[in-house]
């Protein structure tokens, strides 16, 4: 069963986005200060400055250059952000708990934040960009973790390039139900309403992502992702991505994917039905398993860092 054509579920639904700033004319272009940041909508967006990163910069991926960061040593783990119009900074700093035993590879996928481009965007292009970047890194195969929409990208990549994914982890991805059904459930959550200001919209988004608002370094990097997501360039990217009308992978594609897979979900995540997640894993068979994490919603690495890292590490170490 396919999950349906992409709609921006990780953003607030369109009815909730109607109060955001009206984007002006946007010309998608590469960063105007290579490696430092870029201008968009009359402001400058700085590149990620997360201190533990050992290497950061652009890497070639076919017709585009993607912003990539690396942290840690060991077996490579490719991290694919959600959205699709978020960026990798939402992973900082919680995902660093996996860096003790792993080489973490963070990407801004095509068209997002530092990886802005004039080239067409869409799910299929994301998949082939990932194949190119793995080749650029000199790797045959990697473990892959995708968050929310990034889980769909990760699954599409594993399905299209089965020999290049050792293990697949998705976090907060709504397997086992049509995408439109997951959107409808999100609209029915008690917190859902029509925010009248940008601040109210941000508070609503936080309430759907976190049990408690993020703090410290987690809040700083999350806020920077949100600031870009609200920019004219990000809104134009989301429109172009939706206009591609590419179907998302579903349980059928996962059933034809040969690698072991783990579906992780916060027990309080309104984006995911854990019952349907378990049913999807049962349909796929013994290659698929589900792990839920208590006291968190859509970003468990930020709210329950230690438990999240233990669950993912245990799976990847098998």
Protein backbone atom coordinates (compact mmCIF):
# COMPACT_ATOMS: atom_id res chain seq x y z
CA UNK A 1 0.00 0.00 0.00
CA UNK A 2 1.46 3.34 -1.00
CA UNK A 3 1.34 6.11 1.53
CA UNK A 4 0.15 8.56 -1.12
CA UNK A 5 1.54 11.53 -2.99
CA UNK A 6 3.73 13.82 -0.92
CA UNK A 7 2.08 16.59 1.07
CA UNK A 8 4.03 18.61 3.64
CA UNK A 9 2.96 16.77 6.81
CA UNK A 10 5.93 17.84 8.91
CA UNK A 11 5.04 21.43 8.28
CA UNK A 12 1.75 22.35 9.80
CA UNK A 13 -1.11 21.51 7.42
CA UNK A 14 -1.91 24.21 4.89
CA UNK A 15 -4.81 25.56 6.93
CA UNK A 16 -2.37 26.15 9.78
CA UNK A 17 0.24 27.66 7.51
CA UNK A 18 -2.10 30.32 6.16
CA UNK A 19 -0.93 32.86 8.77
CA UNK A 20 2.78 32.65 7.99
CA UNK A 21 4.70 35.43 6.26
CA UNK A 22 3.79 35.81 2.61
CA UNK A 23 6.82 34.84 0.55
CA UNK A 24 8.07 37.31 -1.99
CA UNK A 25 9.60 36.47 -5.33
CA UNK A 26 12.32 33.89 -4.76
CA UNK A 27 15.15 32.88 -7.01
CA UNK A 28 16.63 29.63 -5.78
CA UNK A 29 20.38 29.92 -5.96
CA UNK A 30 23.48 28.48 -4.30
CA UNK A 31 24.73 30.01 -1.06
CA UNK A 32 26.04 33.52 -1.60
CA UNK A 33 28.91 33.04 0.87
CA UNK A 34 30.13 29.50 0.19
CA UNK A 35 30.49 27.57 3.43
CA UNK A 36 29.29 30.55 5.50
CA UNK A 37 25.60 30.90 4.67
CA UNK A 38 23.21 32.56 2.22
CA UNK A 39 20.74 35.41 1.76
CA UNK A 40 17.01 34.70 1.56
CA UNK A 41 14.05 37.03 2.00
CA UNK A 42 16.17 39.98 3.05
CA UNK A 43 18.15 38.20 5.76
CA UNK A 44 21.33 36.15 6.05
CA UNK A 45 21.14 32.52 7.17
CA UNK A 46 24.37 31.28 8.71
CA UNK A 47 25.72 27.78 8.16
CA UNK A 48 25.55 25.31 11.03
CA UNK A 49 28.14 25.99 13.74
CA UNK A 50 27.66 22.89 15.90
CA UNK A 51 31.04 22.54 17.64
CA UNK A 52 31.54 18.72 17.70
CA UNK A 53 31.40 18.49 13.90
CA UNK A 54 34.82 17.38 12.63
CA UNK A 55 34.20 18.13 8.96
CA UNK A 56 31.69 20.30 7.13
CA UNK A 57 31.30 21.60 3.61
CA UNK A 58 29.91 20.85 0.16
CA UNK A 59 30.23 17.48 -1.56
CA UNK A 60 29.31 16.73 -5.15
CA UNK A 61 26.22 14.61 -5.75
CA UNK A 62 25.75 14.44 -9.50
CA UNK A 63 24.25 17.68 -10.79
CA UNK A 64 24.15 19.34 -7.34
CA UNK A 65 26.41 20.02 -4.38
CA UNK A 66 25.05 18.97 -0.99
CA UNK A 67 26.00 20.40 2.38
CA UNK A 68 27.44 17.60 4.51
CA UNK A 69 28.79 17.35 8.05
CA UNK A 70 30.56 14.42 9.71
CA UNK A 71 31.04 13.53 13.35
CA UNK A 72 32.53 10.53 15.15
CA UNK A 73 34.35 7.45 13.91
CA UNK A 74 33.33 3.91 13.10
CA UNK A 75 30.69 2.38 10.86
CA UNK A 76 28.94 5.10 8.80
CA UNK A 77 25.37 6.12 9.64
CA UNK A 78 23.67 8.44 7.14
CA UNK A 79 21.13 10.78 8.78
CA UNK A 80 18.24 12.12 6.68
CA UNK A 81 16.24 15.00 8.13
CA UNK A 82 12.46 15.35 8.05
CA UNK A 83 10.22 17.97 6.55
CA UNK A 84 10.84 17.55 3.75
CA UNK A 85 11.69 21.21 4.35
CA UNK A 86 13.57 20.89 7.62
CA UNK A 87 17.36 20.56 7.56
CA UNK A 88 20.00 18.55 9.39
CA UNK A 89 20.37 21.00 12.30
CA UNK A 90 17.26 19.58 13.99
CA UNK A 91 19.41 16.50 14.78
CA UNK A 92 21.82 18.55 16.93
CA UNK A 93 22.93 17.93 19.62
CA UNK A 94 20.96 14.78 20.59
CA UNK A 95 22.08 12.59 17.71
CA UNK A 96 25.68 12.99 18.86
CA UNK A 97 24.95 10.29 21.44
CA UNK A 98 25.49 7.83 18.56
CA UNK A 99 28.89 9.28 17.58
CA UNK A 100 30.87 7.27 20.14
CA UNK A 101 30.73 4.18 17.90
CA UNK A 102 29.60 5.59 14.55
CA UNK A 103 30.65 7.97 11.83
CA UNK A 104 27.60 10.19 11.57
CA UNK A 105 26.98 11.75 8.16
CA UNK A 106 24.51 14.65 8.19
CA UNK A 107 23.08 16.05 4.95
CA UNK A 108 20.98 18.98 3.88
CA UNK A 109 19.14 17.25 1.05
CA UNK A 110 18.70 18.90 -2.34
CA UNK A 111 16.98 22.28 -2.17
CA UNK A 112 17.06 22.51 1.63
CA UNK A 113 18.89 25.24 3.52
CA UNK A 114 22.61 25.14 2.60
CA UNK A 115 21.93 22.75 -0.33
CA UNK A 116 19.80 25.25 -2.24
CA UNK A 117 19.81 24.78 -5.99
CA UNK A 118 18.17 25.85 -9.24
CA UNK A 119 17.85 22.18 -10.23
CA UNK A 120 14.48 20.35 -9.99
CA UNK A 121 13.60 18.79 -6.64
CA UNK A 122 11.63 15.71 -5.62
CA UNK A 123 11.79 12.32 -3.94
CA UNK A 124 13.42 10.51 -6.86
CA UNK A 125 16.15 13.13 -7.08
CA UNK A 126 16.76 12.82 -3.32
CA UNK A 127 17.22 9.07 -3.77
CA UNK A 128 19.77 9.42 -6.55
CA UNK A 129 21.58 12.24 -4.75
CA UNK A 130 22.07 9.91 -1.77
CA UNK A 131 23.52 7.22 -4.03
CA UNK A 132 25.91 9.80 -5.49
CA UNK A 133 27.03 11.14 -2.12
CA UNK A 134 27.76 7.63 -0.81
CA UNK A 135 29.89 7.01 -3.89
CA UNK A 136 31.63 10.37 -3.39
CA UNK A 137 32.50 9.28 0.15
CA UNK A 138 34.00 6.08 -1.19
CA UNK A 139 31.49 3.86 0.60
CA UNK A 140 29.82 0.73 -0.74
CA UNK A 141 26.98 0.56 1.82
CA UNK A 142 25.82 2.44 4.90
CA UNK A 143 23.29 2.23 7.68
CA UNK A 144 20.58 4.86 7.12
CA UNK A 145 18.35 6.68 9.62
CA UNK A 146 15.51 8.87 8.35
CA UNK A 147 13.28 11.08 10.45
CA UNK A 148 9.62 11.51 9.53
CA UNK A 149 9.60 12.40 5.80
CA UNK A 150 13.27 11.45 5.79
CA UNK A 151 12.08 7.93 6.64
CA UNK A 152 10.23 7.83 3.32
CA UNK A 153 13.36 9.05 1.54
CA UNK A 154 15.47 6.42 3.34
CA UNK A 155 13.01 3.65 2.46
CA UNK A 156 12.83 4.74 -1.18
CA UNK A 157 16.62 4.67 -1.33
CA UNK A 158 16.80 1.20 0.29
CA UNK A 159 14.20 -0.07 -2.20
CA UNK A 160 15.94 1.45 -5.25
CA UNK A 161 19.51 0.56 -4.16
CA UNK A 162 19.17 -2.58 -2.00
CA UNK A 163 22.87 -3.35 -1.92
CA UNK A 164 23.78 0.03 -0.48
CA UNK A 165 21.77 -0.06 2.78
CA UNK A 166 22.87 -2.40 5.54
CA UNK A 167 20.19 -1.47 8.06
CA UNK A 168 17.30 0.99 7.91
CA UNK A 169 15.95 3.02 10.83
CA UNK A 170 12.95 5.33 10.54
CA UNK A 171 11.89 7.68 13.33
CA UNK A 172 8.40 9.16 13.50
CA UNK A 173 7.44 7.92 10.02
CA UNK A 174 3.77 6.92 9.67
CA UNK A 175 4.02 3.46 8.11
CA UNK A 176 0.87 1.43 7.62
CA UNK A 177 -1.51 4.25 6.76
CA UNK A 178 -2.08 6.60 3.84
CA UNK A 179 -0.30 9.91 4.16
CA UNK A 180 -3.62 11.76 4.00
CA UNK A 181 -4.95 9.72 6.94
CA UNK A 182 -1.93 10.65 9.05
CA UNK A 183 -2.49 14.33 8.17
CA UNK A 184 -6.14 14.10 9.18
CA UNK A 185 -5.21 12.57 12.54
CA UNK A 186 -2.74 15.39 13.16
CA UNK A 187 -5.49 17.93 12.54
CA UNK A 188 -7.66 16.18 15.13
CA UNK A 189 -5.11 16.48 17.94
CA UNK A 190 -6.31 18.58 20.89
CA UNK A 191 -3.61 21.19 20.29
CA UNK A 192 -4.56 21.73 16.66
CA UNK A 193 -6.21 25.04 15.90
CA UNK A 194 -5.63 27.97 13.60
CA UNK A 195 -2.79 30.10 15.00
CA UNK A 196 -3.30 33.81 14.42
CA UNK A 197 0.32 34.91 14.72
CA UNK A 198 3.71 33.54 13.74
CA UNK A 199 4.57 33.06 17.42
CA UNK A 200 1.37 31.06 17.92
CA UNK A 201 2.23 28.96 14.89
CA UNK A 202 5.66 28.21 16.34
CA UNK A 203 4.17 27.25 19.70
CA UNK A 204 1.71 24.92 18.00
CA UNK A 205 4.49 23.26 15.99
CA UNK A 206 6.52 22.77 19.16
CA UNK A 207 3.54 21.21 20.92
CA UNK A 208 3.22 18.65 18.11
CA UNK A 209 6.94 17.88 18.11
CA UNK A 210 7.80 17.94 21.84
CA UNK A 211 6.18 17.15 25.19
CA UNK A 212 8.32 19.92 26.67
CA UNK A 213 9.75 22.82 24.64
CA UNK A 214 13.41 22.27 23.71
CA UNK A 215 16.07 24.08 25.71
CA UNK A 216 19.75 24.98 25.45
CA UNK A 217 21.65 23.77 22.39
CA UNK A 218 18.69 21.68 21.26
CA UNK A 219 16.47 24.77 21.14
CA UNK A 220 19.13 26.85 19.38
CA UNK A 221 19.56 24.40 16.50
CA UNK A 222 15.85 23.57 16.28
CA UNK A 223 14.99 27.29 16.14
CA UNK A 224 17.48 27.82 13.30
CA UNK A 225 15.86 25.02 11.32
CA UNK A 226 12.45 26.59 11.89
CA UNK A 227 13.68 30.04 10.88
CA UNK A 228 14.84 28.67 7.54
CA UNK A 229 11.63 26.64 7.13
CA UNK A 230 9.65 29.90 7.42
CA UNK A 231 11.77 31.67 4.79
CA UNK A 232 10.57 32.47 1.24
CA UNK A 233 13.11 30.04 -0.18
CA UNK A 234 11.86 27.15 1.96
CA UNK A 235 8.24 27.89 1.06
CA UNK A 236 9.11 27.92 -2.64
CA UNK A 237 11.03 24.66 -2.20
CA UNK A 238 8.01 23.04 -0.49
CA UNK A 239 5.77 24.13 -3.36
CA UNK A 240 8.12 22.70 -5.97
CA UNK A 241 8.53 19.45 -4.03
CA UNK A 242 4.76 19.02 -3.76
CA UNK A 243 4.32 19.88 -7.44
CA UNK A 244 6.56 16.93 -8.34
CA UNK A 245 3.67 14.68 -7.20
CA UNK A 246 5.89 11.67 -6.60
CA UNK A 247 4.31 8.81 -4.62
CA UNK A 248 5.82 7.93 -1.29
CA UNK A 249 6.92 4.37 -0.54
CA UNK A 250 4.65 2.27 1.66
CA UNK A 251 4.44 -1.19 3.16
CA UNK A 252 4.52 -2.81 -0.29
CA UNK A 253 7.91 -1.28 -1.06
CA UNK A 254 9.20 -2.06 2.43
CA UNK A 255 8.14 -5.70 1.99
CA UNK A 256 10.35 -5.85 -1.10
CA UNK A 257 13.30 -4.27 0.70
CA UNK A 258 15.85 -6.83 1.83
CA UNK A 259 17.62 -5.07 4.71
CA UNK A 260 16.66 -5.30 8.40
CA UNK A 261 14.56 -2.32 9.49
CA UNK A 262 13.55 -0.67 12.76
CA UNK A 263 10.60 1.69 13.14
CA UNK A 264 11.07 4.04 16.12
CA UNK A 265 8.26 6.21 17.48
CA UNK A 266 7.69 8.38 20.51
CA UNK A 267 4.73 7.06 22.48
CA UNK A 268 3.16 10.55 22.47
CA UNK A 269 3.88 11.35 18.81
CA UNK A 270 0.66 12.58 17.13
CA UNK A 271 2.22 12.03 13.69
CA UNK A 272 2.25 8.24 14.08
CA UNK A 273 -0.27 5.51 14.94
CA UNK A 274 1.76 2.96 16.90
CA UNK A 275 -0.94 0.35 16.37
CA UNK A 276 -0.66 0.75 12.58
CA UNK A 277 3.11 0.87 12.83
CA UNK A 278 3.12 -2.53 14.53
CA UNK A 279 0.68 -3.90 11.95
CA UNK A 280 2.98 -2.70 9.15
CA UNK A 281 5.98 -4.42 10.75
CA UNK A 282 3.99 -7.65 11.16
CA UNK A 283 3.01 -7.55 7.49
CA UNK A 284 6.64 -7.05 6.40
CA UNK A 285 7.83 -9.98 8.51
CA UNK A 286 10.80 -10.70 10.79
CA UNK A 287 13.08 -8.17 9.05
CA UNK A 288 11.01 -5.35 10.59
CA UNK A 289 10.65 -4.42 14.24
CA UNK A 290 9.11 -1.55 16.22
CA UNK A 291 10.47 0.27 19.25
CA UNK A 292 8.53 2.93 21.13
CA UNK A 293 10.07 5.49 23.45
CA UNK A 294 8.10 6.83 26.40
CA UNK A 295 7.73 10.48 27.35
CA UNK A 296 8.47 12.00 23.97
CA UNK A 297 6.78 12.99 20.75
CA UNK A 298 8.20 13.52 17.26
CA UNK A 299 11.92 14.07 18.03
CA UNK A 300 12.92 11.43 20.60
CA UNK A 301 16.66 12.06 20.25
CA UNK A 302 16.02 15.53 21.70
CA UNK A 303 13.66 14.54 24.55
CA UNK A 304 14.93 11.07 25.50
CA UNK A 305 18.49 11.12 24.21
CA UNK A 306 19.91 8.23 26.24
CA UNK A 307 17.02 5.86 25.63
CA UNK A 308 16.85 6.74 21.94
CA UNK A 309 20.57 6.16 21.42
CA UNK A 310 20.41 2.82 23.25
CA UNK A 311 17.52 1.60 21.07
CA UNK A 312 19.18 2.59 17.80
CA UNK A 313 22.64 1.36 18.80
CA UNK A 314 21.30 -2.02 19.90
CA UNK A 315 19.64 -2.48 16.50
CA UNK A 316 22.62 -1.32 14.44
CA UNK A 317 25.03 -3.50 16.41
CA UNK A 318 23.19 -6.75 15.61
